[in-house]
Amino acid sequence: MDTIDDKTAAAAFRRLVEHLRLRTDVQNVDLMGRAGFCRNCLADWLSEATGGALSRDQAREAIYGMPAAEWKARHQTEATPDQLARMEASVALNEQLRRGLAD
């Protein structure tokens, strides 16, 4: 990862955010279940990267392109038991991988 310069990384990040804004049909629970992260995770990482200069709510608005509550009202559907189970398994895998990297 250190081989990617900041300008290139920033351009890729902006493209990812743009893509996620376009794909409102993809629920966060599905992203979590399949990829182990979602829009909220990305916003939290953004907030952390700013050292708290952006609050979590500000970072989420930057990722969603609108307040997160508004995005949820417009686009979020109720999660199914299968979606929730996949998400829980993915979160557990994330923890296992983090522990493995820490060892």
C-alpha atoms as a PDB file:
ATOM      1  CA  MET A   1       0.000   0.000   0.000  1.00  0.00           C
ATOM      2  CA  ASP A   2       2.909   2.349   0.627  1.00  0.00           C
ATOM      3  CA  THR A   3       3.716   2.195  -3.083  1.00  0.00           C
ATOM      4  CA  ILE A   4       0.595   4.210  -3.965  1.00  0.00           C
ATOM      5  CA  ASP A   5       1.281   7.936  -3.883  1.00  0.00           C
ATOM      6  CA  ASP A   6      -1.184  10.235  -2.126  1.00  0.00           C
ATOM      7  CA  LYS A   7      -2.460  11.893  -5.319  1.00  0.00           C
ATOM      8  CA  THR A   8      -3.317   8.545  -6.889  1.00  0.00           C
ATOM      9  CA  ALA A   9      -4.855   7.227  -3.665  1.00  0.00           C
ATOM     10  CA  ALA A  10      -6.992  10.371  -3.342  1.00  0.00           C
ATOM     11  CA  ALA A  11      -8.235  10.022  -6.930  1.00  0.00           C
ATOM     12  CA  ALA A  12      -9.139   6.365  -6.348  1.00  0.00           C
ATOM     13  CA  PHE A  13     -10.893   7.264  -3.082  1.00  0.00           C
ATOM     14  CA  ARG A  14     -12.974   9.947  -4.826  1.00  0.00           C
ATOM     15  CA  ARG A  15     -13.903   7.449  -7.530  1.00  0.00           C
ATOM     16  CA  LEU A  16     -14.976   4.901  -4.900  1.00  0.00           C
ATOM     17  CA  VAL A  17     -17.131   7.497  -3.142  1.00  0.00           C
ATOM     18  CA  GLU A  18     -18.713   8.521  -6.459  1.00  0.00           C
ATOM     19  CA  HIS A  19     -19.397   4.875  -7.292  1.00  0.00           C
ATOM     20  CA  LEU A  20     -21.025   4.211  -3.907  1.00  0.00           C
ATOM     21  CA  ARG A  21     -23.207   7.300  -4.317  1.00  0.00           C
ATOM     22  CA  LEU A  22     -24.417   6.003  -7.682  1.00  0.00           C
ATOM     23  CA  ARG A  23     -25.106   2.474  -6.394  1.00  0.00           C
ATOM     24  CA  THR A  24     -27.899   3.309  -3.983  1.00  0.00           C
ATOM     25  CA  ASP A  25     -29.359  -0.103  -4.844  1.00  0.00           C
ATOM     26  CA  VAL A  26     -26.550  -1.752  -2.871  1.00  0.00           C
ATOM     27  CA  GLN A  27     -27.345  -1.787   0.820  1.00  0.00           C
ATOM     28  CA  ASN A  28     -24.695  -1.274   3.502  1.00  0.00           C
ATOM     29  CA  VAL A  29     -25.636  -4.624   5.017  1.00  0.00           C
ATOM     30  CA  ASP A  30     -24.780  -6.266   1.677  1.00  0.00           C
ATOM     31  CA  LEU A  31     -21.454  -4.436   1.468  1.00  0.00           C
ATOM     32  CA  MET A  32     -20.639  -5.566   5.001  1.00  0.00           C
ATOM     33  CA  GLY A  33     -21.716  -9.121   4.262  1.00  0.00           C
ATOM     34  CA  ARG A  34     -19.667  -9.418   1.096  1.00  0.00           C
ATOM     35  CA  ALA A  35     -16.720  -7.039   1.485  1.00  0.00           C
ATOM     36  CA  GLY A  36     -16.426  -6.508   5.228  1.00  0.00           C
ATOM     37  CA  PHE A  37     -16.944  -2.752   5.044  1.00  0.00           C
ATOM     38  CA  CYS A  38     -19.694  -0.297   4.128  1.00  0.00           C
ATOM     39  CA  ARG A  39     -20.295   3.383   3.559  1.00  0.00           C
ATOM     40  CA  ASN A  40     -20.370   3.999   7.311  1.00  0.00           C
ATOM     41  CA  CYS A  41     -17.013   2.252   7.741  1.00  0.00           C
ATOM     42  CA  LEU A  42     -15.531   4.383   4.978  1.00  0.00           C
ATOM     43  CA  ALA A  43     -16.874   7.518   6.650  1.00  0.00           C
ATOM     44  CA  ASP A  44     -15.472   6.428  10.016  1.00  0.00           C
ATOM     45  CA  TRP A  45     -12.060   5.864   8.408  1.00  0.00           C
ATOM     46  CA  LEU A  46     -12.308   9.315   6.826  1.00  0.00           C
ATOM     47  CA  SER A  47     -13.103  10.902  10.183  1.00  0.00           C
ATOM     48  CA  GLU A  48     -10.196   9.036  11.810  1.00  0.00           C
ATOM     49  CA  ALA A  49      -7.840  10.099   9.003  1.00  0.00           C
ATOM     50  CA  THR A  50      -8.668  13.736   9.704  1.00  0.00           C
ATOM     51  CA  GLY A  51      -7.794  13.292  13.367  1.00  0.00           C
ATOM     52  CA  GLY A  52     -11.361  14.195  14.247  1.00  0.00           C
ATOM     53  CA  ALA A  53     -11.407  17.415  12.215  1.00  0.00           C
ATOM     54  CA  LEU A  54     -14.436  15.853  10.513  1.00  0.00           C
ATOM     55  CA  SER A  55     -16.967  14.395  12.909  1.00  0.00           C
ATOM     56  CA  ARG A  56     -18.484  11.009  12.116  1.00  0.00           C
ATOM     57  CA  ASP A  57     -21.680  12.744  10.958  1.00  0.00           C
ATOM     58  CA  GLN A  58     -19.740  15.163   8.739  1.00  0.00           C
ATOM     59  CA  ALA A  59     -17.721  12.313   7.272  1.00  0.00           C
ATOM     60  CA  ARG A  60     -20.875  10.303   6.599  1.00  0.00           C
ATOM     61  CA  GLU A  61     -22.407  13.265   4.808  1.00  0.00           C
ATOM     62  CA  ALA A  62     -19.229  13.536   2.729  1.00  0.00           C
ATOM     63  CA  ILE A  63     -19.498   9.855   1.761  1.00  0.00           C
ATOM     64  CA  TYR A  64     -23.268   9.716   1.213  1.00  0.00           C
ATOM     65  CA  GLY A  65     -23.486  13.120  -0.484  1.00  0.00           C
ATOM     66  CA  MET A  66     -26.292  14.015   1.936  1.00  0.00           C
ATOM     67  CA  PRO A  67     -27.035  13.529   5.615  1.00  0.00           C
ATOM     68  CA  ALA A  68     -26.958   9.813   6.418  1.00  0.00           C
ATOM     69  CA  ALA A  69     -30.502   9.928   7.818  1.00  0.00           C
ATOM     70  CA  GLU A  70     -31.759  11.337   4.520  1.00  0.00           C
ATOM     71  CA  TRP A  71     -29.931   8.625   2.552  1.00  0.00           C
ATOM     72  CA  LYS A  72     -31.452   5.956   4.794  1.00  0.00           C
ATOM     73  CA  ALA A  73     -34.953   7.365   4.336  1.00  0.00           C
ATOM     74  CA  ARG A  74     -34.534   7.431   0.555  1.00  0.00           C
ATOM     75  CA  HIS A  75     -32.618   4.231  -0.105  1.00  0.00           C
ATOM     76  CA  GLN A  76     -32.287   1.846   2.839  1.00  0.00           C
ATOM     77  CA  THR A  77     -34.526  -1.188   3.044  1.00  0.00           C
ATOM     78  CA  GLU A  78     -35.119  -3.531   5.967  1.00  0.00           C
ATOM     79  CA  ALA A  79     -32.361  -6.108   6.283  1.00  0.00           C
ATOM     80  CA  THR A  80     -33.332  -9.745   5.881  1.00  0.00           C
ATOM     81  CA  PRO A  81     -32.189 -12.440   8.312  1.00  0.00           C
ATOM     82  CA  ASP A  82     -29.842 -13.783   5.594  1.00  0.00           C
ATOM     83  CA  GLN A  83     -28.270 -10.363   5.063  1.00  0.00           C
ATOM     84  CA  LEU A  84     -27.773  -9.926   8.796  1.00  0.00           C
ATOM     85  CA  ALA A  85     -26.222 -13.387   9.140  1.00  0.00           C
ATOM     86  CA  ARG A  86     -23.760 -12.694   6.290  1.00  0.00           C
ATOM     87  CA  MET A  87     -22.873  -9.348   7.860  1.00  0.00           C
ATOM     88  CA  GLU A  88     -22.267 -10.918  11.283  1.00  0.00           C
ATOM     89  CA  ALA A  89     -20.053 -13.603   9.747  1.00  0.00           C
ATOM     90  CA  SER A  90     -18.117 -10.967   7.811  1.00  0.00           C
ATOM     91  CA  VAL A  91     -17.602  -8.805  10.902  1.00  0.00           C
ATOM     92  CA  ALA A  92     -16.312 -11.882  12.751  1.00  0.00           C
ATOM     93  CA  LEU A  93     -13.926 -12.600   9.870  1.00  0.00           C
ATOM     94  CA  ASN A  94     -12.675  -8.999  10.005  1.00  0.00           C
ATOM     95  CA  GLU A  95     -11.864  -9.482  13.696  1.00  0.00           C
ATOM     96  CA  GLN A  96     -10.060 -12.767  13.014  1.00  0.00           C
ATOM     97  CA  LEU A  97      -8.008 -11.156  10.274  1.00  0.00           C
ATOM     98  CA  ARG A  98      -7.120  -8.172  12.482  1.00  0.00           C
ATOM     99  CA  ARG A  99      -6.030 -10.495  15.283  1.00  0.00           C
ATOM    100  CA  GLY A 100      -3.942 -12.479  12.803  1.00  0.00           C
ATOM    101  CA  LEU A 101      -2.250  -9.326  11.574  1.00  0.00           C
ATOM    102  CA  ALA A 102      -1.571  -8.223  15.141  1.00  0.00           C
ATOM    103  CA  ASP A 103       0.187 -11.505  16.005  1.00  0.00           C
END
